Every structure is written in structure tokens, then in C-alpha cells.
Amino acid sequence: MSPRIAPLEPPYPPDIQAQFDRIMRGAPPLTLFRVMAGHPRAWDKFRGASLLDPGPLSFRQREIVIDRTTALNGCEYEWGVHVAIFAGPARLTEDEVRATVLDDANSPCWSPAEQALIAAVDALHTRATLDDVEFAALSAHYDNAQILEIMLLCGFYRTVSYLANGLRLPLEERAAR
């Protein structure tokens, strides 16, 4: 299956190759990146909002938010890429990875702070807001900068899900299923 918008093919323009090298650290660029890089405005905006730099959340917390968000959006493409590349370094167990797709926030595999995190992701996905109880639960474990980062990650990875699903990107060869 081919994506609906053709990805760039090598050789890439030098500036794009340099960006791919920085992002991918020697691995071949993802199809999503190759599609976006073919459209300079979209690529610049996409890279500017990626949130993959070190932020106020731990690496593990960030990956839980991303995995849960992409799972809720039925985005096997991005979920699979993140699980394959980041689940190990984020110290997510097989049960936790499975829970990002199949369980709810009450799964016993999550700590209380992670349960609040999953519940917030679920609420944002379902209603695009947090009620007072959900916000209080999140605030018990995370500061304001972390809460903003959670919301930004949910929104950005919902957008990534729209892109990957709407473009019908083929699954990456080494991605998790």
C-alpha cells in the first residue's frame, strides 16, 4: 500500500538530509517524515511542534502519553514506531505496552501517578477537556508545566495520528504491531 501523498525519495536535498540525520540518528527516515518534508511549510510546522526534546515529563511519562494517544486514535503506524524505538528505553514492560491499547487507567500495571496520566489522556481524547476531578487527580502528581506538556503531547500526537491514518501510511518495517 502506498501513502496517499508520495514521500520524498533519495537523494534528499542537503538541508533535508541534514534534518533527517539529526532526527533519525543514522536510521532511514520514516515515511511520515519523508511525506512531510516534501512540503516545506508543513515540515517546518511539524518539526517545530514535535515535543521530542527533553521536557518537563520523564521519558517514560512522555512515552505513556504518546502510546496511549496514538492507540486511542487507532494509529498503529505511530504507536508501532514509538513502541519499537522507545518502549525499551522508557522501561515499559510488555504488559504496560499492551495496556496502552487494551486496558483503562485502572490497570494494576500502572502506578497511581500513571493511572492519573492515562485517565487524563482518555478524557482529553474523549471530551477534549478535563473535569475538576480529573484535573485534581493529575495535579496531585504533576506540576503545571507537566500538565501543559501532557495536553500538548495529546494534541500533537492526535495530529500525527490524523496524518498517518489519513495518508494511509504503510507500517514501518521494524515497527511494533
N, C-alpha and C. Protein backbone atom coordinates (compact mmCIF):
# COMPACT_ATOMS: atom_id res chain seq x y z
N MET A 1 0.85 -1.17 0.00
CA MET A 1 0.00 0.00 0.00
C MET A 1 0.90 1.25 0.00
N SER A 2 0.57 2.18 -0.84
CA SER A 2 1.33 3.43 -0.93
C SER A 2 0.59 4.54 -0.19
N PRO A 3 1.35 5.47 0.38
CA PRO A 3 0.69 6.61 1.01
C PRO A 3 -0.04 7.44 -0.04
N ARG A 4 -1.05 8.16 0.41
CA ARG A 4 -1.84 9.00 -0.49
C ARG A 4 -1.06 10.17 -1.06
N ILE A 5 -0.06 10.64 -0.35
CA ILE A 5 0.84 11.68 -0.84
C ILE A 5 2.22 11.04 -0.88
N ALA A 6 2.85 11.10 -2.02
CA ALA A 6 4.13 10.42 -2.22
C ALA A 6 5.22 11.01 -1.33
N PRO A 7 5.99 10.14 -0.71
CA PRO A 7 7.12 10.61 0.10
C PRO A 7 8.30 11.01 -0.79
N LEU A 8 9.17 11.87 -0.26
CA LEU A 8 10.41 12.17 -0.95
C LEU A 8 11.20 10.89 -1.12
N GLU A 9 11.94 10.81 -2.19
CA GLU A 9 12.83 9.68 -2.42
C GLU A 9 14.26 10.18 -2.43
N PRO A 10 15.21 9.36 -2.00
CA PRO A 10 16.60 9.78 -2.04
C PRO A 10 17.07 9.93 -3.48
N PRO A 11 18.08 10.72 -3.71
CA PRO A 11 18.81 11.53 -2.73
C PRO A 11 17.98 12.74 -2.31
N TYR A 12 18.08 13.07 -1.03
CA TYR A 12 17.33 14.19 -0.48
C TYR A 12 18.15 15.48 -0.63
N PRO A 13 17.46 16.61 -0.72
CA PRO A 13 18.21 17.88 -0.71
C PRO A 13 19.09 17.93 0.55
N PRO A 14 20.27 18.56 0.46
CA PRO A 14 21.21 18.55 1.60
C PRO A 14 20.60 19.02 2.92
N ASP A 15 19.76 20.07 2.89
CA ASP A 15 19.18 20.56 4.16
C ASP A 15 18.21 19.54 4.74
N ILE A 16 17.45 18.87 3.88
CA ILE A 16 16.51 17.83 4.35
C ILE A 16 17.30 16.63 4.87
N GLN A 17 18.35 16.23 4.16
CA GLN A 17 19.18 15.11 4.61
C GLN A 17 19.77 15.41 5.98
N ALA A 18 20.23 16.63 6.18
CA ALA A 18 20.80 17.01 7.49
C ALA A 18 19.73 16.93 8.58
N GLN A 19 18.52 17.35 8.28
CA GLN A 19 17.43 17.26 9.27
C GLN A 19 17.09 15.80 9.56
N PHE A 20 17.01 14.98 8.53
CA PHE A 20 16.75 13.54 8.73
C PHE A 20 17.85 12.92 9.59
N ASP A 21 19.10 13.29 9.30
CA ASP A 21 20.23 12.73 10.06
C ASP A 21 20.13 13.09 11.54
N ARG A 22 19.74 14.34 11.82
CA ARG A 22 19.59 14.77 13.23
C ARG A 22 18.46 14.02 13.91
N ILE A 23 17.34 13.88 13.22
CA ILE A 23 16.16 13.25 13.82
C ILE A 23 16.33 11.75 13.95
N MET A 24 16.83 11.13 12.89
CA MET A 24 16.85 9.66 12.83
C MET A 24 18.15 9.04 13.34
N ARG A 25 19.17 9.85 13.57
CA ARG A 25 20.45 9.37 14.11
C ARG A 25 21.00 8.18 13.34
N GLY A 26 21.01 8.32 12.01
CA GLY A 26 21.60 7.29 11.16
C GLY A 26 20.62 6.27 10.60
N ALA A 27 19.44 6.16 11.16
CA ALA A 27 18.44 5.23 10.62
C ALA A 27 17.76 5.88 9.40
N PRO A 28 17.20 5.08 8.51
CA PRO A 28 16.49 5.66 7.37
C PRO A 28 15.29 6.49 7.86
N PRO A 29 14.98 7.59 7.18
CA PRO A 29 13.86 8.42 7.63
C PRO A 29 12.52 7.69 7.50
N LEU A 30 11.66 7.94 8.48
CA LEU A 30 10.32 7.35 8.46
C LEU A 30 9.53 7.88 7.27
N THR A 31 8.60 7.09 6.79
CA THR A 31 7.75 7.51 5.69
C THR A 31 7.01 8.79 6.02
N LEU A 32 6.50 8.91 7.25
CA LEU A 32 5.81 10.14 7.65
C LEU A 32 6.71 11.35 7.46
N PHE A 33 7.96 11.25 7.88
CA PHE A 33 8.89 12.37 7.73
C PHE A 33 9.14 12.67 6.26
N ARG A 34 9.28 11.64 5.44
CA ARG A 34 9.54 11.83 4.02
C ARG A 34 8.35 12.49 3.31
N VAL A 35 7.13 12.16 3.73
CA VAL A 35 5.95 12.82 3.16
C VAL A 35 5.93 14.29 3.57
N MET A 36 6.09 14.54 4.85
CA MET A 36 6.01 15.91 5.36
C MET A 36 7.13 16.78 4.78
N ALA A 37 8.34 16.23 4.64
CA ALA A 37 9.49 17.00 4.16
C ALA A 37 9.32 17.45 2.72
N GLY A 38 8.43 16.83 1.98
CA GLY A 38 8.16 17.25 0.62
C GLY A 38 7.35 18.53 0.54
N HIS A 39 6.91 19.03 1.67
CA HIS A 39 6.07 20.23 1.73
C HIS A 39 6.65 21.14 2.81
N PRO A 40 7.50 22.10 2.41
CA PRO A 40 8.30 22.86 3.38
C PRO A 40 7.53 23.49 4.53
N ARG A 41 6.40 24.12 4.26
CA ARG A 41 5.65 24.75 5.35
C ARG A 41 5.17 23.70 6.35
N ALA A 42 4.57 22.63 5.85
CA ALA A 42 4.07 21.56 6.72
C ALA A 42 5.23 20.93 7.51
N TRP A 43 6.35 20.70 6.85
CA TRP A 43 7.51 20.09 7.51
C TRP A 43 8.05 20.98 8.61
N ASP A 44 8.18 22.27 8.34
CA ASP A 44 8.67 23.20 9.35
C ASP A 44 7.74 23.25 10.56
N LYS A 45 6.45 23.32 10.33
CA LYS A 45 5.47 23.37 11.43
C LYS A 45 5.49 22.05 12.21
N PHE A 46 5.55 20.95 11.49
CA PHE A 46 5.57 19.63 12.11
C PHE A 46 6.80 19.49 13.02
N ARG A 47 7.97 19.82 12.50
CA ARG A 47 9.20 19.71 13.30
C ARG A 47 9.17 20.65 14.49
N GLY A 48 8.58 21.82 14.33
CA GLY A 48 8.52 22.79 15.42
C GLY A 48 7.64 22.37 16.58
N ALA A 49 6.72 21.46 16.33
CA ALA A 49 5.77 21.04 17.36
C ALA A 49 6.03 19.62 17.88
N SER A 50 7.12 19.02 17.51
CA SER A 50 7.29 17.58 17.76
C SER A 50 7.36 17.18 19.22
N LEU A 51 7.86 18.02 20.10
CA LEU A 51 7.91 17.75 21.54
C LEU A 51 8.76 16.54 21.91
N LEU A 52 9.69 16.14 21.06
CA LEU A 52 10.55 15.01 21.39
C LEU A 52 11.82 15.42 22.13
N ASP A 53 11.96 16.71 22.36
CA ASP A 53 13.10 17.18 23.14
C ASP A 53 12.83 16.91 24.62
N PRO A 54 13.88 16.92 25.43
CA PRO A 54 13.63 16.74 26.86
C PRO A 54 12.73 17.86 27.39
N GLY A 55 11.67 17.50 28.02
CA GLY A 55 10.73 18.47 28.56
C GLY A 55 10.50 18.20 30.03
N PRO A 56 9.41 18.71 30.56
CA PRO A 56 9.15 18.58 31.99
C PRO A 56 8.68 17.18 32.42
N LEU A 57 8.30 16.35 31.48
CA LEU A 57 7.90 14.97 31.82
C LEU A 57 9.11 14.06 31.71
N SER A 58 9.08 12.97 32.45
CA SER A 58 10.13 11.97 32.29
C SER A 58 9.94 11.31 30.92
N PHE A 59 10.98 10.67 30.45
CA PHE A 59 10.92 9.95 29.19
C PHE A 59 9.79 8.91 29.22
N ARG A 60 9.69 8.20 30.32
CA ARG A 60 8.64 7.18 30.48
C ARG A 60 7.25 7.81 30.42
N GLN A 61 7.04 8.90 31.15
CA GLN A 61 5.73 9.56 31.15
C GLN A 61 5.37 10.04 29.75
N ARG A 62 6.34 10.64 29.07
CA ARG A 62 6.09 11.11 27.70
C ARG A 62 5.65 9.96 26.80
N GLU A 63 6.34 8.84 26.89
CA GLU A 63 6.01 7.71 26.02
C GLU A 63 4.65 7.09 26.37
N ILE A 64 4.29 7.08 27.63
CA ILE A 64 2.96 6.59 28.01
C ILE A 64 1.90 7.48 27.36
N VAL A 65 2.07 8.78 27.42
CA VAL A 65 1.10 9.70 26.80
C VAL A 65 1.03 9.46 25.30
N ILE A 66 2.18 9.36 24.64
CA ILE A 66 2.20 9.18 23.19
C ILE A 66 1.59 7.84 22.80
N ASP A 67 2.00 6.78 23.47
CA ASP A 67 1.48 5.45 23.13
C ASP A 67 -0.03 5.37 23.35
N ARG A 68 -0.50 5.91 24.45
CA ARG A 68 -1.94 5.87 24.73
C ARG A 68 -2.71 6.72 23.72
N THR A 69 -2.21 7.92 23.43
CA THR A 69 -2.88 8.81 22.48
C THR A 69 -2.98 8.16 21.10
N THR A 70 -1.88 7.62 20.62
CA THR A 70 -1.91 7.02 19.28
C THR A 70 -2.76 5.75 19.27
N ALA A 71 -2.75 5.00 20.36
CA ALA A 71 -3.62 3.82 20.44
C ALA A 71 -5.09 4.21 20.40
N LEU A 72 -5.46 5.22 21.18
CA LEU A 72 -6.86 5.67 21.19
C LEU A 72 -7.31 6.18 19.82
N ASN A 73 -6.37 6.69 19.05
CA ASN A 73 -6.68 7.20 17.71
C ASN A 73 -6.55 6.12 16.64
N GLY A 74 -6.32 4.89 17.05
CA GLY A 74 -6.22 3.79 16.09
C GLY A 74 -5.06 3.97 15.13
N CYS A 75 -3.97 4.56 15.60
CA CYS A 75 -2.83 4.85 14.74
C CYS A 75 -1.72 3.84 14.98
N GLU A 76 -1.88 2.69 14.36
CA GLU A 76 -0.88 1.64 14.51
C GLU A 76 0.48 2.08 14.00
N TYR A 77 0.50 2.91 12.97
CA TYR A 77 1.77 3.40 12.41
C TYR A 77 2.61 4.06 13.51
N GLU A 78 2.08 5.13 14.14
CA GLU A 78 2.89 5.89 15.11
C GLU A 78 3.06 5.13 16.42
N TRP A 79 2.01 4.42 16.85
CA TRP A 79 2.13 3.60 18.06
C TRP A 79 3.26 2.60 17.87
N GLY A 80 3.28 1.94 16.72
CA GLY A 80 4.29 0.92 16.45
C GLY A 80 5.70 1.47 16.40
N VAL A 81 5.87 2.65 15.81
CA VAL A 81 7.19 3.29 15.76
C VAL A 81 7.66 3.61 17.18
N HIS A 82 6.78 4.20 17.97
CA HIS A 82 7.19 4.58 19.33
C HIS A 82 7.46 3.36 20.20
N VAL A 83 6.65 2.34 20.10
CA VAL A 83 6.89 1.14 20.91
C VAL A 83 8.21 0.50 20.51
N ALA A 84 8.45 0.37 19.20
CA ALA A 84 9.68 -0.28 18.74
C ALA A 84 10.93 0.48 19.16
N ILE A 85 10.89 1.80 19.08
CA ILE A 85 12.08 2.59 19.34
C ILE A 85 12.23 2.98 20.82
N PHE A 86 11.11 3.32 21.47
CA PHE A 86 11.20 3.96 22.78
C PHE A 86 10.70 3.14 23.97
N ALA A 87 9.96 2.07 23.76
CA ALA A 87 9.41 1.33 24.90
C ALA A 87 10.53 0.78 25.80
N GLY A 88 11.56 0.24 25.19
CA GLY A 88 12.68 -0.29 25.98
C GLY A 88 13.37 0.79 26.80
N PRO A 89 13.85 1.86 26.13
CA PRO A 89 14.50 2.93 26.91
C PRO A 89 13.58 3.58 27.95
N ALA A 90 12.26 3.57 27.70
CA ALA A 90 11.30 4.15 28.66
C ALA A 90 10.95 3.16 29.77
N ARG A 91 11.51 1.97 29.68
CA ARG A 91 11.27 0.91 30.67
C ARG A 91 9.80 0.52 30.77
N LEU A 92 9.14 0.46 29.62
CA LEU A 92 7.76 -0.03 29.58
C LEU A 92 7.79 -1.54 29.40
N THR A 93 7.10 -2.25 30.26
CA THR A 93 7.05 -3.71 30.16
C THR A 93 6.08 -4.11 29.05
N GLU A 94 6.12 -5.38 28.70
CA GLU A 94 5.17 -5.88 27.69
C GLU A 94 3.74 -5.68 28.15
N ASP A 95 3.46 -5.91 29.44
CA ASP A 95 2.11 -5.69 29.97
C ASP A 95 1.70 -4.23 29.86
N GLU A 96 2.62 -3.32 30.14
CA GLU A 96 2.31 -1.90 30.05
C GLU A 96 2.09 -1.47 28.60
N VAL A 97 2.90 -1.97 27.70
CA VAL A 97 2.71 -1.66 26.28
C VAL A 97 1.34 -2.15 25.84
N ARG A 98 1.01 -3.37 26.21
CA ARG A 98 -0.30 -3.94 25.87
C ARG A 98 -1.43 -3.10 26.49
N ALA A 99 -1.23 -2.64 27.71
CA ALA A 99 -2.25 -1.85 28.40
C ALA A 99 -2.50 -0.51 27.72
N THR A 100 -1.51 0.03 27.02
CA THR A 100 -1.75 1.30 26.31
C THR A 100 -2.81 1.14 25.24
N VAL A 101 -3.02 -0.09 24.80
CA VAL A 101 -4.01 -0.36 23.76
C VAL A 101 -5.29 -0.97 24.34
N LEU A 102 -5.15 -1.91 25.26
CA LEU A 102 -6.28 -2.75 25.65
C LEU A 102 -6.92 -2.45 27.00
N ASP A 103 -6.22 -1.77 27.90
CA ASP A 103 -6.73 -1.56 29.25
C ASP A 103 -7.13 -0.11 29.47
N ASP A 104 -7.67 0.16 30.65
CA ASP A 104 -8.01 1.54 31.00
C ASP A 104 -7.05 2.02 32.09
N ALA A 105 -7.33 3.18 32.61
CA ALA A 105 -6.44 3.80 33.59
C ALA A 105 -6.34 3.00 34.89
N ASN A 106 -7.30 2.13 35.15
CA ASN A 106 -7.29 1.37 36.40
C ASN A 106 -6.46 0.09 36.33
N SER A 107 -5.79 -0.14 35.23
CA SER A 107 -4.97 -1.34 35.10
C SER A 107 -3.94 -1.37 36.24
N PRO A 108 -3.79 -2.53 36.89
CA PRO A 108 -2.85 -2.62 38.01
C PRO A 108 -1.39 -2.48 37.60
N CYS A 109 -1.10 -2.49 36.31
CA CYS A 109 0.30 -2.34 35.89
C CYS A 109 0.81 -0.91 36.07
N TRP A 110 -0.12 0.05 36.23
CA TRP A 110 0.28 1.45 36.34
C TRP A 110 0.36 1.90 37.79
N SER A 111 1.30 2.78 38.09
CA SER A 111 1.38 3.42 39.40
C SER A 111 0.22 4.41 39.52
N PRO A 112 -0.09 4.89 40.71
CA PRO A 112 -1.15 5.90 40.84
C PRO A 112 -0.92 7.14 39.96
N ALA A 113 0.30 7.61 39.87
CA ALA A 113 0.59 8.78 39.02
C ALA A 113 0.34 8.45 37.55
N GLU A 114 0.71 7.25 37.14
CA GLU A 114 0.49 6.83 35.75
C GLU A 114 -0.99 6.60 35.48
N GLN A 115 -1.73 6.12 36.46
CA GLN A 115 -3.17 5.98 36.30
C GLN A 115 -3.82 7.34 36.06
N ALA A 116 -3.38 8.36 36.80
CA ALA A 116 -3.91 9.71 36.59
C ALA A 116 -3.53 10.21 35.20
N LEU A 117 -2.34 9.88 34.75
CA LEU A 117 -1.88 10.27 33.42
C LEU A 117 -2.74 9.63 32.34
N ILE A 118 -2.96 8.33 32.44
CA ILE A 118 -3.79 7.61 31.46
C ILE A 118 -5.22 8.15 31.48
N ALA A 119 -5.77 8.38 32.66
CA ALA A 119 -7.13 8.91 32.76
C ALA A 119 -7.23 10.28 32.09
N ALA A 120 -6.20 11.10 32.24
CA ALA A 120 -6.20 12.42 31.60
C ALA A 120 -6.15 12.28 30.08
N VAL A 121 -5.30 11.41 29.59
CA VAL A 121 -5.21 11.18 28.14
C VAL A 121 -6.57 10.71 27.62
N ASP A 122 -7.19 9.79 28.33
CA ASP A 122 -8.50 9.27 27.91
C ASP A 122 -9.55 10.38 27.88
N ALA A 123 -9.56 11.22 28.91
CA ALA A 123 -10.54 12.30 28.97
C ALA A 123 -10.31 13.31 27.84
N LEU A 124 -9.05 13.67 27.62
CA LEU A 124 -8.75 14.62 26.55
C LEU A 124 -9.15 14.04 25.19
N HIS A 125 -8.91 12.77 25.01
CA HIS A 125 -9.28 12.12 23.75
C HIS A 125 -10.80 12.12 23.56
N THR A 126 -11.51 11.76 24.62
CA THR A 126 -12.97 11.59 24.53
C THR A 126 -13.72 12.91 24.51
N ARG A 127 -13.29 13.85 25.38
CA ARG A 127 -14.08 15.07 25.56
C ARG A 127 -13.32 16.36 25.27
N ALA A 128 -12.04 16.25 24.98
CA ALA A 128 -11.19 17.42 24.74
C ALA A 128 -11.15 18.36 25.94
N THR A 129 -11.32 17.80 27.13
CA THR A 129 -11.22 18.58 28.37
C THR A 129 -10.99 17.64 29.53
N LEU A 130 -10.67 18.24 30.67
CA LEU A 130 -10.57 17.51 31.93
C LEU A 130 -11.59 18.11 32.88
N ASP A 131 -12.35 17.25 33.55
CA ASP A 131 -13.26 17.79 34.56
C ASP A 131 -12.45 18.10 35.82
N ASP A 132 -13.09 18.68 36.81
CA ASP A 132 -12.38 19.09 38.02
C ASP A 132 -11.73 17.92 38.75
N VAL A 133 -12.40 16.79 38.79
CA VAL A 133 -11.85 15.61 39.47
C VAL A 133 -10.61 15.11 38.73
N GLU A 134 -10.69 15.04 37.41
CA GLU A 134 -9.55 14.57 36.62
C GLU A 134 -8.37 15.53 36.74
N PHE A 135 -8.65 16.84 36.71
CA PHE A 135 -7.57 17.81 36.84
C PHE A 135 -6.94 17.73 38.23
N ALA A 136 -7.74 17.56 39.25
CA ALA A 136 -7.21 17.42 40.62
C ALA A 136 -6.35 16.17 40.74
N ALA A 137 -6.80 15.07 40.15
CA ALA A 137 -6.01 13.82 40.19
C ALA A 137 -4.67 14.02 39.49
N LEU A 138 -4.70 14.68 38.36
CA LEU A 138 -3.46 14.95 37.63
C LEU A 138 -2.56 15.89 38.43
N SER A 139 -3.15 16.92 39.02
CA SER A 139 -2.40 17.91 39.80
C SER A 139 -1.77 17.31 41.06
N ALA A 140 -2.30 16.20 41.53
CA ALA A 140 -1.72 15.55 42.70
C ALA A 140 -0.35 14.95 42.40
N HIS A 141 -0.07 14.73 41.12
CA HIS A 141 1.18 14.06 40.72
C HIS A 141 2.07 14.90 39.80
N TYR A 142 1.48 15.90 39.15
CA TYR A 142 2.21 16.65 38.13
C TYR A 142 2.04 18.15 38.36
N ASP A 143 3.11 18.90 38.07
CA ASP A 143 3.02 20.36 38.22
C ASP A 143 2.42 20.97 36.95
N ASN A 144 2.25 22.28 36.97
CA ASN A 144 1.59 22.96 35.86
C ASN A 144 2.32 22.78 34.53
N ALA A 145 3.65 22.87 34.55
CA ALA A 145 4.42 22.69 33.31
C ALA A 145 4.21 21.28 32.75
N GLN A 146 4.17 20.29 33.63
CA GLN A 146 3.95 18.91 33.19
C GLN A 146 2.54 18.72 32.64
N ILE A 147 1.55 19.34 33.27
CA ILE A 147 0.17 19.23 32.80
C ILE A 147 0.04 19.86 31.41
N LEU A 148 0.66 21.01 31.21
CA LEU A 148 0.63 21.62 29.88
C LEU A 148 1.30 20.71 28.85
N GLU A 149 2.42 20.11 29.22
CA GLU A 149 3.13 19.20 28.31
C GLU A 149 2.25 18.00 27.95
N ILE A 150 1.53 17.46 28.93
CA ILE A 150 0.62 16.34 28.68
C ILE A 150 -0.42 16.74 27.64
N MET A 151 -1.02 17.91 27.83
CA MET A 151 -2.04 18.37 26.89
C MET A 151 -1.45 18.61 25.50
N LEU A 152 -0.25 19.22 25.44
CA LEU A 152 0.40 19.45 24.16
C LEU A 152 0.72 18.13 23.46
N LEU A 153 1.24 17.17 24.20
CA LEU A 153 1.55 15.86 23.61
C LEU A 153 0.29 15.19 23.06
N CYS A 154 -0.79 15.23 23.84
CA CYS A 154 -2.04 14.62 23.37
C CYS A 154 -2.49 15.27 22.06
N GLY A 155 -2.47 16.57 22.01
CA GLY A 155 -2.89 17.28 20.80
C GLY A 155 -1.99 17.01 19.63
N PHE A 156 -0.66 17.06 19.85
CA PHE A 156 0.26 16.84 18.75
C PHE A 156 0.15 15.42 18.21
N TYR A 157 0.07 14.43 19.10
CA TYR A 157 0.02 13.05 18.62
C TYR A 157 -1.35 12.66 18.09
N ARG A 158 -2.37 13.42 18.42
CA ARG A 158 -3.65 13.25 17.72
C ARG A 158 -3.48 13.74 16.28
N THR A 159 -2.78 14.86 16.11
CA THR A 159 -2.49 15.36 14.77
C THR A 159 -1.64 14.37 14.00
N VAL A 160 -0.61 13.82 14.63
CA VAL A 160 0.22 12.81 13.97
C VAL A 160 -0.65 11.62 13.56
N SER A 161 -1.57 11.23 14.41
CA SER A 161 -2.47 10.12 14.09
C SER A 161 -3.33 10.46 12.88
N TYR A 162 -3.84 11.70 12.83
CA TYR A 162 -4.61 12.12 11.66
C TYR A 162 -3.77 12.00 10.39
N LEU A 163 -2.52 12.45 10.48
CA LEU A 163 -1.65 12.40 9.31
C LEU A 163 -1.38 10.96 8.88
N ALA A 164 -0.93 10.14 9.81
CA ALA A 164 -0.58 8.76 9.46
C ALA A 164 -1.79 7.97 8.97
N ASN A 165 -2.92 8.14 9.65
CA ASN A 165 -4.12 7.41 9.24
C ASN A 165 -4.70 7.98 7.95
N GLY A 166 -4.82 9.30 7.86
CA GLY A 166 -5.40 9.94 6.70
C GLY A 166 -4.58 9.76 5.44
N LEU A 167 -3.26 9.68 5.59
CA LEU A 167 -2.38 9.46 4.44
C LEU A 167 -2.23 7.98 4.11
N ARG A 168 -2.80 7.13 4.96
CA ARG A 168 -2.69 5.67 4.81
C ARG A 168 -1.23 5.24 4.66
N LEU A 169 -0.42 5.70 5.63
CA LEU A 169 0.99 5.35 5.59
C LEU A 169 1.16 3.86 5.83
N PRO A 170 1.99 3.20 5.02
CA PRO A 170 2.26 1.78 5.28
C PRO A 170 3.06 1.66 6.58
N LEU A 171 2.83 0.61 7.31
CA LEU A 171 3.54 0.41 8.58
C LEU A 171 5.03 0.29 8.32
N GLU A 172 5.81 0.89 9.21
CA GLU A 172 7.26 0.81 9.08
C GLU A 172 7.70 -0.64 9.34
N GLU A 173 8.68 -1.07 8.60
CA GLU A 173 9.13 -2.46 8.66
C GLU A 173 9.49 -2.94 10.05
N ARG A 174 10.19 -2.11 10.82
CA ARG A 174 10.66 -2.54 12.15
C ARG A 174 9.76 -2.08 13.28
N ALA A 175 8.60 -1.56 12.96
CA ALA A 175 7.70 -1.06 13.99
C ALA A 175 6.94 -2.22 14.67
N ALA A 176 6.54 -1.98 15.89
CA ALA A 176 5.74 -2.97 16.63
C ALA A 176 4.35 -3.05 16.02
N ARG A 177 3.71 -4.14 16.24
CA ARG A 177 2.35 -4.34 15.76
C ARG A 177 1.44 -4.54 16.97
